[in-house]
Each structure stands twice: as structure tokens, then as C-alpha cells.
Amino acid sequence: MKCQRADCPNEVVRNNPRANNKKFCSKDCQHLNYQTVNAERIRADRDERNHAKYNQYEVGKEQCIICDGWFWAVCHHVAHRHKIGHRTYKRMIGADVGKGRLPERTKRIKRVYVFGNGTVENLKKGIQTRYKKGQKGVGVYQRSKETINRLKKQFDK
């Protein structure tokens, strides 16, 4: 009898007359079959365990309004887990679309990497597209609640 795993060419050897229910040629083959057949359930169980373990409140983390988990980089989480773009999510929560949502701790870590991998040179490439003082059409867009509140308090002392 052929092994029940689809891509296994081996035959099942039954040495014992009582082994009528043996369907795989080895324990490894049985385990590989189990992993492929139950991959979605295994992934869901792992995600649930990780969610319970890592998505706890810590100072500096931001809470996702969709799943109530706590994350250092909430927009990164939303893009990967909920398949929503960071702009859409920021509009949902009424935050600045063009402003990052990283805590200071993560910003310090990323600053070191920027100089290490050379991406700081990208700033020089974008010099032609920067805003100039008095440029026509600058600032003509719909502002978020966060921006409006910041602008109201900007010159108050």
C-alpha cells in the first residue's frame, strides 16, 4: 500500500497483522502530513498564543483600535495583520496622515540603522521636491483632528 502523504513515493510496510490502520511509511511522514493538512489551524493557534503573550500594555506602546492589542509600531501591525494601509488607519483614528506613530524608544533604534545601512543618503535625493517658503498650493488639504488641535495650541503660551 502506498504512503498516504501525497508527495511520498514509499510503500507502507505492515509487519504486524494487527496494523491494518497504518497509513504512513514513517513517523516523519505522518508528522509532515499533519503539518500540511492542519497548517491553517496551527498558524491560528500560534497567532493566538503570541497575541496573548506579546500584545500586553507597556509604557510607550499604542493600542490598535481594531483588535485592542498593544504595539510599538501600530501602523506596521495594522498593515500586516488587518490588511489596512497606514493612511486609512490614521484617518480612522483622526491622526496626522503624514506624521509617524512610533514611540521615542523605537525612533532611537531606527536612527542608528539609518546611518548604518546608508538610507540617510535618500534625503539628498529628495531635495528638489521639498517645500519652499511661500510656495503656492502648500497646505491646501484636509487636516486631521490631531493637526487642528496642534495648530490651535501652537502659539499659546
C-alpha atoms as a PDB file:
ATOM      1  CA  MET A   1       0.000   0.000   0.000  1.00  0.00           C
ATOM      2  CA  LYS A   2       1.283   3.496  -0.875  1.00  0.00           C
ATOM      3  CA  CYS A   3       2.014   6.052   1.867  1.00  0.00           C
ATOM      4  CA  GLN A   4      -0.924   8.428   2.380  1.00  0.00           C
ATOM      5  CA  ARG A   5       1.209  11.588   2.201  1.00  0.00           C
ATOM      6  CA  ALA A   6       0.733  12.968  -1.309  1.00  0.00           C
ATOM      7  CA  ASP A   7       4.360  13.538  -2.312  1.00  0.00           C
ATOM      8  CA  CYS A   8       5.849  10.410  -0.681  1.00  0.00           C
ATOM      9  CA  PRO A   9       6.840   7.566  -3.077  1.00  0.00           C
ATOM     10  CA  ASN A  10       7.384   4.980  -0.299  1.00  0.00           C
ATOM     11  CA  GLU A  11       5.261   1.930   0.401  1.00  0.00           C
ATOM     12  CA  VAL A  12       3.717   1.260   3.802  1.00  0.00           C
ATOM     13  CA  VAL A  13       5.187  -1.873   5.367  1.00  0.00           C
ATOM     14  CA  ARG A  14       2.892  -3.767   7.718  1.00  0.00           C
ATOM     15  CA  ASN A  15       4.929  -6.241   9.787  1.00  0.00           C
ATOM     16  CA  ASN A  16       2.192  -6.810  12.317  1.00  0.00           C
ATOM     17  CA  PRO A  17      -1.100  -8.406  11.228  1.00  0.00           C
ATOM     18  CA  ARG A  18      -2.919  -6.042  13.627  1.00  0.00           C
ATOM     19  CA  ALA A  19      -1.506  -2.941  11.881  1.00  0.00           C
ATOM     20  CA  ASN A  20      -4.383  -2.547   9.427  1.00  0.00           C
ATOM     21  CA  ASN A  21      -4.797   1.121  10.247  1.00  0.00           C
ATOM     22  CA  LYS A  22      -1.178   2.076   9.439  1.00  0.00           C
ATOM     23  CA  LYS A  23      -1.291   4.635   6.617  1.00  0.00           C
ATOM     24  CA  PHE A  24       2.157   6.271   6.620  1.00  0.00           C
ATOM     25  CA  CYS A  25       5.595   4.833   5.915  1.00  0.00           C
ATOM     26  CA  SER A  26       7.210   6.552   8.931  1.00  0.00           C
ATOM     27  CA  LYS A  27       6.517   8.865  11.857  1.00  0.00           C
ATOM     28  CA  ASP A  28       8.283  11.701   9.974  1.00  0.00           C
ATOM     29  CA  CYS A  29       5.943  11.259   7.002  1.00  0.00           C
ATOM     30  CA  GLN A  30       2.936  11.276   9.308  1.00  0.00           C
ATOM     31  CA  HIS A  31       4.161  14.456  11.013  1.00  0.00           C
ATOM     32  CA  LEU A  32       4.769  16.246   7.676  1.00  0.00           C
ATOM     33  CA  ASN A  33       1.278  15.281   6.508  1.00  0.00           C
ATOM     34  CA  TYR A  34      -0.230  16.588   9.757  1.00  0.00           C
ATOM     35  CA  GLN A  35       1.611  19.907   9.342  1.00  0.00           C
ATOM     36  CA  THR A  36       0.381  20.454   5.788  1.00  0.00           C
ATOM     37  CA  VAL A  37      -3.216  19.360   6.400  1.00  0.00           C
ATOM     38  CA  ASN A  38      -3.589  21.391   9.592  1.00  0.00           C
ATOM     39  CA  ALA A  39      -1.367  24.348   8.652  1.00  0.00           C
ATOM     40  CA  GLU A  40      -4.104  26.995   8.950  1.00  0.00           C
ATOM     41  CA  ARG A  41      -5.241  25.767  12.395  1.00  0.00           C
ATOM     42  CA  ILE A  42      -1.631  25.535  13.619  1.00  0.00           C
ATOM     43  CA  ARG A  43      -0.965  29.105  12.412  1.00  0.00           C
ATOM     44  CA  ALA A  44      -4.142  30.413  14.078  1.00  0.00           C
ATOM     45  CA  ASP A  45      -3.235  28.724  17.383  1.00  0.00           C
ATOM     46  CA  ARG A  46       0.290  30.171  17.251  1.00  0.00           C
ATOM     47  CA  ASP A  47      -1.033  33.650  16.491  1.00  0.00           C
ATOM     48  CA  GLU A  48      -3.474  33.434  19.392  1.00  0.00           C
ATOM     49  CA  ARG A  49      -0.704  32.407  21.810  1.00  0.00           C
ATOM     50  CA  ASN A  50       1.585  35.187  20.544  1.00  0.00           C
ATOM     51  CA  HIS A  51      -1.222  37.742  20.785  1.00  0.00           C
ATOM     52  CA  ALA A  52      -1.826  36.832  24.413  1.00  0.00           C
ATOM     53  CA  LYS A  53       1.902  36.837  25.209  1.00  0.00           C
ATOM     54  CA  TYR A  54       3.258  39.901  23.396  1.00  0.00           C
ATOM     55  CA  ASN A  55       0.317  42.281  22.981  1.00  0.00           C
ATOM     56  CA  GLN A  56       0.211  43.453  26.575  1.00  0.00           C
ATOM     57  CA  TYR A  57       0.292  47.069  27.692  1.00  0.00           C
ATOM     58  CA  GLU A  58       3.684  48.690  28.243  1.00  0.00           C
ATOM     59  CA  VAL A  59       4.541  52.352  28.585  1.00  0.00           C
ATOM     60  CA  GLY A  60       5.071  53.744  25.077  1.00  0.00           C
ATOM     61  CA  LYS A  61       3.009  51.149  23.204  1.00  0.00           C
ATOM     62  CA  GLU A  62      -0.076  52.223  21.249  1.00  0.00           C
ATOM     63  CA  GLN A  63      -3.344  50.316  21.238  1.00  0.00           C
ATOM     64  CA  CYS A  64      -4.836  49.066  17.961  1.00  0.00           C
ATOM     65  CA  ILE A  65      -8.487  50.154  17.747  1.00  0.00           C
ATOM     66  CA  ILE A  66      -9.373  47.098  15.641  1.00  0.00           C
ATOM     67  CA  CYS A  67      -8.089  44.216  17.805  1.00  0.00           C
ATOM     68  CA  ASP A  68      -7.254  46.036  21.100  1.00  0.00           C
ATOM     69  CA  GLY A  69      -3.654  44.747  21.102  1.00  0.00           C
ATOM     70  CA  TRP A  70      -0.734  46.945  22.219  1.00  0.00           C
ATOM     71  CA  PHE A  71       2.122  47.516  19.752  1.00  0.00           C
ATOM     72  CA  TRP A  72       5.335  49.518  19.408  1.00  0.00           C
ATOM     73  CA  ALA A  73       4.612  50.138  15.714  1.00  0.00           C
ATOM     74  CA  VAL A  74       0.817  50.037  15.436  1.00  0.00           C
ATOM     75  CA  CYS A  75       0.680  51.054  11.752  1.00  0.00           C
ATOM     76  CA  HIS A  76       3.043  48.215  10.858  1.00  0.00           C
ATOM     77  CA  HIS A  77       0.767  45.817  12.761  1.00  0.00           C
ATOM     78  CA  VAL A  78      -2.375  47.143  11.054  1.00  0.00           C
ATOM     79  CA  ALA A  79      -0.847  46.783   7.586  1.00  0.00           C
ATOM     80  CA  HIS A  80       0.250  43.185   8.150  1.00  0.00           C
ATOM     81  CA  ARG A  81      -2.476  41.824  10.392  1.00  0.00           C
ATOM     82  CA  HIS A  82      -5.601  43.685   9.265  1.00  0.00           C
ATOM     83  CA  LYS A  83      -4.549  44.453   5.655  1.00  0.00           C
ATOM     84  CA  ILE A  84      -5.330  48.173   6.050  1.00  0.00           C
ATOM     85  CA  GLY A  85      -2.966  50.877   4.823  1.00  0.00           C
ATOM     86  CA  HIS A  86      -1.392  53.228   7.353  1.00  0.00           C
ATOM     87  CA  ARG A  87      -3.122  56.269   5.810  1.00  0.00           C
ATOM     88  CA  THR A  88      -6.561  54.654   6.126  1.00  0.00           C
ATOM     89  CA  TYR A  89      -5.873  53.647   9.726  1.00  0.00           C
ATOM     90  CA  LYS A  90      -4.634  57.127  10.647  1.00  0.00           C
ATOM     91  CA  ARG A  91      -7.797  58.633   9.156  1.00  0.00           C
ATOM     92  CA  MET A  92      -9.879  56.156  11.183  1.00  0.00           C
ATOM     93  CA  ILE A  93      -8.305  57.321  14.441  1.00  0.00           C
ATOM     94  CA  GLY A  94      -8.190  61.003  13.413  1.00  0.00           C
ATOM     95  CA  ALA A  95      -4.403  61.263  13.436  1.00  0.00           C
ATOM     96  CA  ASP A  96      -1.994  63.124  11.151  1.00  0.00           C
ATOM     97  CA  VAL A  97      -1.618  61.124   7.940  1.00  0.00           C
ATOM     98  CA  GLY A  98       1.878  62.426   7.252  1.00  0.00           C
ATOM     99  CA  LYS A  99       3.198  62.020  10.788  1.00  0.00           C
ATOM    100  CA  GLY A 100       4.746  58.811  12.147  1.00  0.00           C
ATOM    101  CA  ARG A 101       3.223  56.854  15.051  1.00  0.00           C
ATOM    102  CA  LEU A 102       6.449  55.405  16.526  1.00  0.00           C
ATOM    103  CA  PRO A 103       7.378  55.926  20.186  1.00  0.00           C
ATOM    104  CA  GLU A 104      10.685  57.597  21.071  1.00  0.00           C
ATOM    105  CA  ARG A 105      12.272  54.250  22.023  1.00  0.00           C
ATOM    106  CA  THR A 106      11.733  52.808  18.531  1.00  0.00           C
ATOM    107  CA  LYS A 107      12.819  56.045  16.833  1.00  0.00           C
ATOM    108  CA  ARG A 108      16.187  55.898  18.646  1.00  0.00           C
ATOM    109  CA  ILE A 109      16.751  52.333  17.429  1.00  0.00           C
ATOM    110  CA  LYS A 110      15.822  53.191  13.839  1.00  0.00           C
ATOM    111  CA  ARG A 111      18.062  56.295  13.814  1.00  0.00           C
ATOM    112  CA  VAL A 112      21.089  54.087  14.347  1.00  0.00           C
ATOM    113  CA  TYR A 113      20.088  51.767  11.476  1.00  0.00           C
ATOM    114  CA  VAL A 114      19.584  54.660   9.021  1.00  0.00           C
ATOM    115  CA  PHE A 115      23.236  55.668   9.264  1.00  0.00           C
ATOM    116  CA  GLY A 116      24.390  52.061   9.298  1.00  0.00           C
ATOM    117  CA  ASN A 117      22.660  50.984   6.084  1.00  0.00           C
ATOM    118  CA  GLY A 118      23.107  54.256   4.154  1.00  0.00           C
ATOM    119  CA  THR A 119      19.454  55.233   3.698  1.00  0.00           C
ATOM    120  CA  VAL A 120      20.229  58.657   5.140  1.00  0.00           C
ATOM    121  CA  GLU A 121      21.572  59.457   1.649  1.00  0.00           C
ATOM    122  CA  ASN A 122      17.965  59.346   0.355  1.00  0.00           C
ATOM    123  CA  LEU A 123      17.401  62.774   1.938  1.00  0.00           C
ATOM    124  CA  LYS A 124      19.810  64.288  -0.559  1.00  0.00           C
ATOM    125  CA  LYS A 125      17.900  62.756  -3.478  1.00  0.00           C
ATOM    126  CA  GLY A 126      14.612  64.399  -2.425  1.00  0.00           C
ATOM    127  CA  ILE A 127      15.916  67.962  -2.178  1.00  0.00           C
ATOM    128  CA  GLN A 128      14.158  69.026  -5.426  1.00  0.00           C
ATOM    129  CA  THR A 129      10.706  68.081  -4.111  1.00  0.00           C
ATOM    130  CA  ARG A 130      10.869  69.871  -0.749  1.00  0.00           C
ATOM    131  CA  TYR A 131       8.531  72.758   0.026  1.00  0.00           C
ATOM    132  CA  LYS A 132       9.872  76.281  -0.331  1.00  0.00           C
ATOM    133  CA  LYS A 133       8.706  79.170   1.825  1.00  0.00           C
ATOM    134  CA  GLY A 134       5.763  80.959   0.152  1.00  0.00           C
ATOM    135  CA  GLN A 135       5.217  78.171  -2.382  1.00  0.00           C
ATOM    136  CA  LYS A 136       1.749  78.243  -3.997  1.00  0.00           C
ATOM    137  CA  GLY A 137      -0.582  75.351  -3.125  1.00  0.00           C
ATOM    138  CA  VAL A 138       1.226  74.309   0.043  1.00  0.00           C
ATOM    139  CA  GLY A 139      -1.053  73.429   2.946  1.00  0.00           C
ATOM    140  CA  VAL A 140      -4.209  73.089   0.827  1.00  0.00           C
ATOM    141  CA  TYR A 141      -5.526  69.765   2.094  1.00  0.00           C
ATOM    142  CA  GLN A 142      -7.971  68.393   4.644  1.00  0.00           C
ATOM    143  CA  ARG A 143      -6.375  68.388   8.077  1.00  0.00           C
ATOM    144  CA  SER A 144      -6.942  65.722  10.737  1.00  0.00           C
ATOM    145  CA  LYS A 145      -8.313  66.416  14.221  1.00  0.00           C
ATOM    146  CA  GLU A 146      -4.833  65.904  15.656  1.00  0.00           C
ATOM    147  CA  THR A 147      -3.352  68.560  13.330  1.00  0.00           C
ATOM    148  CA  ILE A 148      -6.134  71.077  14.038  1.00  0.00           C
ATOM    149  CA  ASN A 149      -5.652  70.697  17.811  1.00  0.00           C
ATOM    150  CA  ARG A 150      -1.883  71.059  17.451  1.00  0.00           C
ATOM    151  CA  LEU A 151      -2.238  74.205  15.313  1.00  0.00           C
ATOM    152  CA  LYS A 152      -4.673  75.765  17.815  1.00  0.00           C
ATOM    153  CA  LYS A 153      -2.158  75.271  20.648  1.00  0.00           C
ATOM    154  CA  GLN A 154       0.928  76.055  18.590  1.00  0.00           C
ATOM    155  CA  PHE A 155       1.372  79.685  19.625  1.00  0.00           C
ATOM    156  CA  ASP A 156      -0.388  79.553  23.031  1.00  0.00           C
ATOM    157  CA  LYS A 157       1.906  80.058  25.978  1.00  0.00           C
END
